[in-house]
């Protein structure tokens, strides 16, 4: 089983165990699938004293290398964008994870095209 399949299987298991994302945001430890074209994975968050720790684990399609894990601690009003380039002049695939008050949202992000 490739790393990508392992990450996707873990994402599906986490999402099934915690339920699908609701319109009013994610719940703590609730998995959310991320699709960035050739890179995909899962993101979730936990509540900590300093803020909400967002963790995203991503793997590239068809690669057996180690997945990449990205972590950020978000205060209210902060966000993080995960993206993959698609070529000169083409907008990258991007997902924004944002915190508004006590809710966390995952949505497609509109980012500028690469030069």
N, C-alpha and C. Protein backbone atom coordinates (compact mmCIF):
# COMPACT_ATOMS: atom_id res chain seq x y z
N UNK A 1 0.85 -1.18 0.00
CA UNK A 1 0.00 0.00 0.00
C UNK A 1 0.89 1.24 0.00
N UNK A 2 0.61 2.18 -0.89
CA UNK A 2 1.42 3.38 -0.97
C UNK A 2 1.09 4.34 0.17
N UNK A 3 1.96 5.31 0.37
CA UNK A 3 1.74 6.32 1.41
C UNK A 3 0.43 7.06 1.14
N UNK A 4 0.18 7.39 -0.11
CA UNK A 4 -1.06 8.11 -0.46
C UNK A 4 -2.28 7.30 -0.04
N UNK A 5 -2.28 6.01 -0.33
CA UNK A 5 -3.41 5.17 0.05
C UNK A 5 -3.54 5.09 1.57
N UNK A 6 -2.42 5.04 2.26
CA UNK A 6 -2.45 4.99 3.72
C UNK A 6 -3.04 6.28 4.28
N UNK A 7 -2.60 7.44 3.75
CA UNK A 7 -3.13 8.72 4.22
C UNK A 7 -4.61 8.83 3.91
N UNK A 8 -5.03 8.42 2.71
CA UNK A 8 -6.45 8.50 2.36
C UNK A 8 -7.29 7.56 3.22
N UNK A 9 -6.78 6.36 3.49
CA UNK A 9 -7.50 5.43 4.35
C UNK A 9 -7.65 6.01 5.75
N UNK A 10 -6.59 6.62 6.26
CA UNK A 10 -6.66 7.24 7.59
C UNK A 10 -7.65 8.41 7.58
N UNK A 11 -7.65 9.18 6.50
CA UNK A 11 -8.58 10.31 6.39
C UNK A 11 -10.02 9.83 6.40
N UNK A 12 -10.30 8.79 5.64
CA UNK A 12 -11.66 8.27 5.60
C UNK A 12 -12.08 7.69 6.95
N UNK A 13 -11.18 6.99 7.60
CA UNK A 13 -11.48 6.42 8.91
C UNK A 13 -11.75 7.52 9.93
N UNK A 14 -10.93 8.56 9.92
CA UNK A 14 -11.11 9.67 10.85
C UNK A 14 -12.41 10.40 10.56
N UNK A 15 -12.71 10.64 9.29
CA UNK A 15 -13.95 11.33 8.93
C UNK A 15 -15.16 10.49 9.31
N UNK A 16 -15.11 9.19 9.10
CA UNK A 16 -16.22 8.32 9.45
C UNK A 16 -16.42 8.27 10.96
N UNK A 17 -15.34 8.28 11.70
CA UNK A 17 -15.43 8.20 13.15
C UNK A 17 -15.95 9.49 13.77
N UNK A 18 -15.72 10.61 13.11
CA UNK A 18 -16.10 11.89 13.70
C UNK A 18 -17.24 12.58 12.99
N UNK A 19 -17.68 12.08 11.85
CA UNK A 19 -18.79 12.68 11.13
C UNK A 19 -18.33 13.65 10.07
N UNK A 20 -19.23 14.00 9.19
CA UNK A 20 -18.90 14.92 8.08
C UNK A 20 -18.90 16.36 8.57
N UNK A 21 -18.22 17.24 7.82
CA UNK A 21 -18.17 18.65 8.17
C UNK A 21 -19.56 19.26 8.07
N UNK A 22 -19.90 20.12 9.02
CA UNK A 22 -21.19 20.80 9.00
C UNK A 22 -20.99 22.20 8.46
N UNK A 23 -22.10 22.82 8.06
CA UNK A 23 -22.03 24.17 7.51
C UNK A 23 -21.50 25.17 8.53
N UNK A 24 -21.70 24.89 9.83
CA UNK A 24 -21.24 25.84 10.84
C UNK A 24 -19.82 25.55 11.31
N UNK A 25 -19.09 24.71 10.60
CA UNK A 25 -17.68 24.48 10.91
C UNK A 25 -17.42 23.09 11.43
N UNK A 26 -16.14 22.83 11.63
CA UNK A 26 -15.70 21.53 12.14
C UNK A 26 -15.81 21.49 13.65
N UNK A 27 -15.83 20.29 14.18
CA UNK A 27 -15.72 20.08 15.62
C UNK A 27 -14.28 19.69 15.92
N UNK A 28 -13.81 19.88 17.15
CA UNK A 28 -12.44 19.44 17.48
C UNK A 28 -12.24 17.96 17.15
N UNK A 29 -11.08 17.65 16.58
CA UNK A 29 -10.66 16.29 16.20
C UNK A 29 -11.48 15.69 15.07
N UNK A 30 -12.33 16.48 14.42
CA UNK A 30 -13.14 16.00 13.30
C UNK A 30 -12.31 16.10 12.02
N UNK A 31 -12.13 15.01 11.31
CA UNK A 31 -11.34 15.01 10.09
C UNK A 31 -12.05 15.66 8.93
N UNK A 32 -11.28 16.32 8.07
CA UNK A 32 -11.82 16.93 6.86
C UNK A 32 -10.86 16.63 5.71
N UNK A 33 -11.36 16.02 4.64
CA UNK A 33 -10.52 15.69 3.49
C UNK A 33 -10.07 16.94 2.76
N UNK A 34 -8.83 16.91 2.29
CA UNK A 34 -8.26 18.03 1.52
C UNK A 34 -7.81 17.49 0.18
N UNK A 35 -8.21 18.17 -0.90
CA UNK A 35 -7.82 17.78 -2.26
C UNK A 35 -7.13 18.97 -2.92
N UNK A 36 -5.84 18.83 -3.18
CA UNK A 36 -5.06 19.88 -3.84
C UNK A 36 -4.50 19.35 -5.16
N UNK A 37 -5.33 18.69 -5.93
CA UNK A 37 -4.87 18.13 -7.19
C UNK A 37 -4.08 16.86 -6.96
N UNK A 38 -2.79 16.90 -7.26
CA UNK A 38 -1.93 15.72 -7.10
C UNK A 38 -1.56 15.46 -5.64
N UNK A 39 -1.94 16.37 -4.75
CA UNK A 39 -1.66 16.22 -3.32
C UNK A 39 -3.00 16.20 -2.59
N UNK A 40 -3.15 15.26 -1.67
CA UNK A 40 -4.38 15.19 -0.89
C UNK A 40 -4.07 14.67 0.51
N UNK A 41 -5.06 14.78 1.39
CA UNK A 41 -4.87 14.31 2.75
C UNK A 41 -6.04 14.67 3.62
N UNK A 42 -5.74 14.91 4.89
CA UNK A 42 -6.78 15.20 5.88
C UNK A 42 -6.29 16.28 6.83
N UNK A 43 -7.24 17.07 7.35
CA UNK A 43 -6.93 18.10 8.34
C UNK A 43 -7.91 17.97 9.50
N UNK A 44 -7.45 18.35 10.69
CA UNK A 44 -8.29 18.39 11.87
C UNK A 44 -7.71 19.43 12.81
N UNK A 45 -8.42 19.75 13.90
CA UNK A 45 -7.86 20.66 14.88
C UNK A 45 -8.18 20.19 16.28
N UNK A 46 -7.37 20.66 17.21
CA UNK A 46 -7.59 20.41 18.63
C UNK A 46 -7.55 21.75 19.37
N UNK A 47 -8.27 21.83 20.46
CA UNK A 47 -8.30 23.05 21.26
C UNK A 47 -7.16 22.98 22.28
N UNK A 48 -6.32 24.01 22.27
CA UNK A 48 -5.21 24.09 23.21
C UNK A 48 -5.24 25.44 23.92
N UNK A 49 -4.44 25.58 24.94
CA UNK A 49 -4.43 26.82 25.72
C UNK A 49 -4.07 28.05 24.88
N UNK A 50 -3.12 27.89 23.94
CA UNK A 50 -2.66 29.02 23.13
C UNK A 50 -3.50 29.27 21.89
N UNK A 51 -4.45 28.41 21.59
CA UNK A 51 -5.27 28.57 20.39
C UNK A 51 -5.71 27.22 19.87
N UNK A 52 -6.21 27.20 18.65
CA UNK A 52 -6.64 25.96 18.02
C UNK A 52 -5.51 25.45 17.14
N UNK A 53 -5.00 24.26 17.46
CA UNK A 53 -3.91 23.66 16.68
C UNK A 53 -4.52 22.91 15.50
N UNK A 54 -4.23 23.41 14.29
CA UNK A 54 -4.68 22.79 13.05
C UNK A 54 -3.55 21.90 12.54
N UNK A 55 -3.87 20.66 12.21
CA UNK A 55 -2.89 19.70 11.70
C UNK A 55 -3.39 19.17 10.37
N UNK A 56 -2.56 19.27 9.34
CA UNK A 56 -2.88 18.72 8.02
C UNK A 56 -1.78 17.75 7.62
N UNK A 57 -2.17 16.56 7.21
CA UNK A 57 -1.22 15.57 6.72
C UNK A 57 -1.53 15.34 5.25
N UNK A 58 -0.51 15.57 4.40
CA UNK A 58 -0.70 15.52 2.95
C UNK A 58 0.31 14.59 2.30
N UNK A 59 -0.11 13.94 1.22
CA UNK A 59 0.77 13.06 0.46
C UNK A 59 0.54 13.30 -1.03
N UNK A 60 1.59 13.13 -1.81
CA UNK A 60 1.50 13.32 -3.25
C UNK A 60 1.07 12.03 -3.93
N UNK A 61 0.16 12.15 -4.87
CA UNK A 61 -0.35 11.00 -5.61
C UNK A 61 0.76 10.25 -6.32
N UNK A 62 0.75 8.93 -6.17
CA UNK A 62 1.71 8.09 -6.88
C UNK A 62 3.12 8.10 -6.31
N UNK A 63 3.33 8.72 -5.16
CA UNK A 63 4.65 8.78 -4.55
C UNK A 63 4.70 7.89 -3.32
N UNK A 64 5.82 7.22 -3.11
CA UNK A 64 5.98 6.37 -1.94
C UNK A 64 6.75 7.07 -0.82
N UNK A 65 7.09 8.35 -1.01
CA UNK A 65 7.83 9.07 0.01
C UNK A 65 6.97 9.38 1.23
N UNK A 66 7.60 9.93 2.23
CA UNK A 66 6.91 10.26 3.47
C UNK A 66 5.90 11.38 3.23
N UNK A 67 4.74 11.31 3.88
CA UNK A 67 3.77 12.40 3.78
C UNK A 67 4.32 13.63 4.50
N UNK A 68 3.72 14.77 4.23
CA UNK A 68 4.11 16.03 4.87
C UNK A 68 3.03 16.40 5.88
N UNK A 69 3.47 16.80 7.06
CA UNK A 69 2.54 17.23 8.10
C UNK A 69 2.78 18.71 8.36
N UNK A 70 1.70 19.50 8.32
CA UNK A 70 1.76 20.94 8.55
C UNK A 70 0.92 21.24 9.78
N UNK A 71 1.48 22.04 10.70
CA UNK A 71 0.75 22.42 11.91
C UNK A 71 0.78 23.93 12.06
N UNK A 72 -0.34 24.49 12.54
CA UNK A 72 -0.42 25.91 12.83
C UNK A 72 -1.37 26.10 14.00
N UNK A 73 -1.06 27.04 14.88
CA UNK A 73 -1.95 27.38 15.98
C UNK A 73 -2.65 28.67 15.60
N UNK A 74 -3.99 28.61 15.52
CA UNK A 74 -4.78 29.76 15.07
C UNK A 74 -5.50 30.43 16.23
N UNK A 75 -5.37 31.75 16.30
CA UNK A 75 -6.17 32.57 17.20
C UNK A 75 -7.42 33.00 16.42
N UNK A 76 -8.44 33.53 17.09
CA UNK A 76 -9.62 34.00 16.36
C UNK A 76 -9.23 35.00 15.26
N UNK A 77 -9.80 34.82 14.08
CA UNK A 77 -9.53 35.72 12.96
C UNK A 77 -8.34 35.32 12.10
N UNK A 78 -7.60 34.30 12.50
CA UNK A 78 -6.44 33.86 11.71
C UNK A 78 -6.80 32.71 10.79
N UNK A 79 -5.96 32.53 9.75
CA UNK A 79 -6.17 31.44 8.81
C UNK A 79 -4.82 30.99 8.25
N UNK A 80 -4.83 29.82 7.63
CA UNK A 80 -3.66 29.29 6.95
C UNK A 80 -4.14 28.75 5.61
N UNK A 81 -3.32 28.97 4.57
CA UNK A 81 -3.65 28.49 3.22
C UNK A 81 -2.65 27.42 2.83
N UNK A 82 -3.15 26.29 2.36
CA UNK A 82 -2.33 25.21 1.82
C UNK A 82 -2.57 25.20 0.32
N UNK A 83 -1.49 25.16 -0.48
CA UNK A 83 -1.68 25.21 -1.93
C UNK A 83 -0.61 24.41 -2.66
N UNK A 84 -0.94 24.05 -3.88
CA UNK A 84 0.01 23.39 -4.77
C UNK A 84 0.01 24.15 -6.10
N UNK A 85 1.18 24.41 -6.67
CA UNK A 85 1.25 25.14 -7.94
C UNK A 85 0.76 24.28 -9.10
N UNK A 86 0.27 24.95 -10.15
CA UNK A 86 -0.20 24.22 -11.33
C UNK A 86 0.46 24.70 -12.60
N UNK A 87 1.33 25.68 -12.53
CA UNK A 87 2.01 26.16 -13.72
C UNK A 87 1.94 27.67 -13.83
N UNK A 88 2.80 28.25 -14.68
CA UNK A 88 2.83 29.71 -14.84
C UNK A 88 1.49 30.25 -15.33
N UNK A 89 0.99 31.27 -14.64
CA UNK A 89 -0.24 31.93 -15.03
C UNK A 89 -1.50 31.19 -14.65
N UNK A 90 -1.39 30.05 -13.99
CA UNK A 90 -2.56 29.26 -13.59
C UNK A 90 -2.70 29.32 -12.08
N UNK A 91 -3.91 29.57 -11.62
CA UNK A 91 -4.13 29.62 -10.17
C UNK A 91 -3.82 28.27 -9.54
N UNK A 92 -3.13 28.28 -8.42
CA UNK A 92 -2.83 27.01 -7.74
C UNK A 92 -4.10 26.42 -7.12
N UNK A 93 -4.07 25.12 -6.88
CA UNK A 93 -5.11 24.50 -6.07
C UNK A 93 -4.84 24.94 -4.65
N UNK A 94 -5.86 25.45 -3.94
CA UNK A 94 -5.63 25.98 -2.60
C UNK A 94 -6.84 25.75 -1.70
N UNK A 95 -6.54 25.52 -0.43
CA UNK A 95 -7.55 25.35 0.61
C UNK A 95 -7.18 26.28 1.75
N UNK A 96 -8.18 27.00 2.28
CA UNK A 96 -7.97 27.87 3.43
C UNK A 96 -8.64 27.25 4.65
N UNK A 97 -7.88 27.18 5.74
CA UNK A 97 -8.42 26.74 7.03
C UNK A 97 -8.42 27.98 7.91
N UNK A 98 -9.60 28.39 8.36
CA UNK A 98 -9.70 29.63 9.12
C UNK A 98 -10.45 29.43 10.42
N UNK A 99 -10.13 30.30 11.37
CA UNK A 99 -10.82 30.29 12.65
C UNK A 99 -11.58 31.59 12.79
N UNK A 100 -12.88 31.47 13.03
CA UNK A 100 -13.73 32.63 13.31
C UNK A 100 -14.38 32.38 14.66
N UNK A 101 -14.01 33.20 15.63
CA UNK A 101 -14.46 33.02 17.02
C UNK A 101 -14.07 31.62 17.49
N UNK A 102 -15.05 30.79 17.83
CA UNK A 102 -14.75 29.44 18.31
C UNK A 102 -15.08 28.37 17.27
N UNK A 103 -15.06 28.74 15.98
CA UNK A 103 -15.37 27.80 14.91
C UNK A 103 -14.22 27.75 13.91
N UNK A 104 -13.99 26.57 13.33
CA UNK A 104 -12.97 26.38 12.31
C UNK A 104 -13.67 25.96 11.01
N UNK A 105 -13.26 26.59 9.90
CA UNK A 105 -13.87 26.34 8.60
C UNK A 105 -12.79 25.94 7.59
N UNK A 106 -13.13 25.05 6.68
CA UNK A 106 -12.24 24.65 5.59
C UNK A 106 -12.98 24.96 4.30
N UNK A 107 -12.32 25.71 3.39
CA UNK A 107 -12.95 26.05 2.12
C UNK A 107 -11.90 26.22 1.04
N UNK A 108 -12.34 26.13 -0.21
CA UNK A 108 -11.45 26.40 -1.34
C UNK A 108 -11.02 27.86 -1.22
N UNK A 109 -9.75 28.12 -1.49
CA UNK A 109 -9.21 29.49 -1.38
C UNK A 109 -8.95 30.05 -2.77
N UNK A 110 -9.20 31.31 -2.92
CA UNK A 110 -8.89 32.01 -4.15
C UNK A 110 -7.54 32.69 -3.95
N UNK A 111 -6.53 32.20 -4.66
CA UNK A 111 -5.18 32.78 -4.56
C UNK A 111 -4.75 33.26 -5.93
N UNK A 112 -3.83 34.19 -5.96
CA UNK A 112 -3.35 34.75 -7.21
C UNK A 112 -2.62 33.70 -8.06
N UNK A 113 -2.67 33.87 -9.36
CA UNK A 113 -1.96 32.98 -10.28
C UNK A 113 -0.46 33.19 -10.15
N UNK A 114 0.27 32.11 -10.34
CA UNK A 114 1.73 32.17 -10.28
C UNK A 114 2.27 32.87 -11.53
N UNK A 115 3.38 33.53 -11.40
CA UNK A 115 3.99 34.19 -12.56
C UNK A 115 4.92 33.26 -13.29
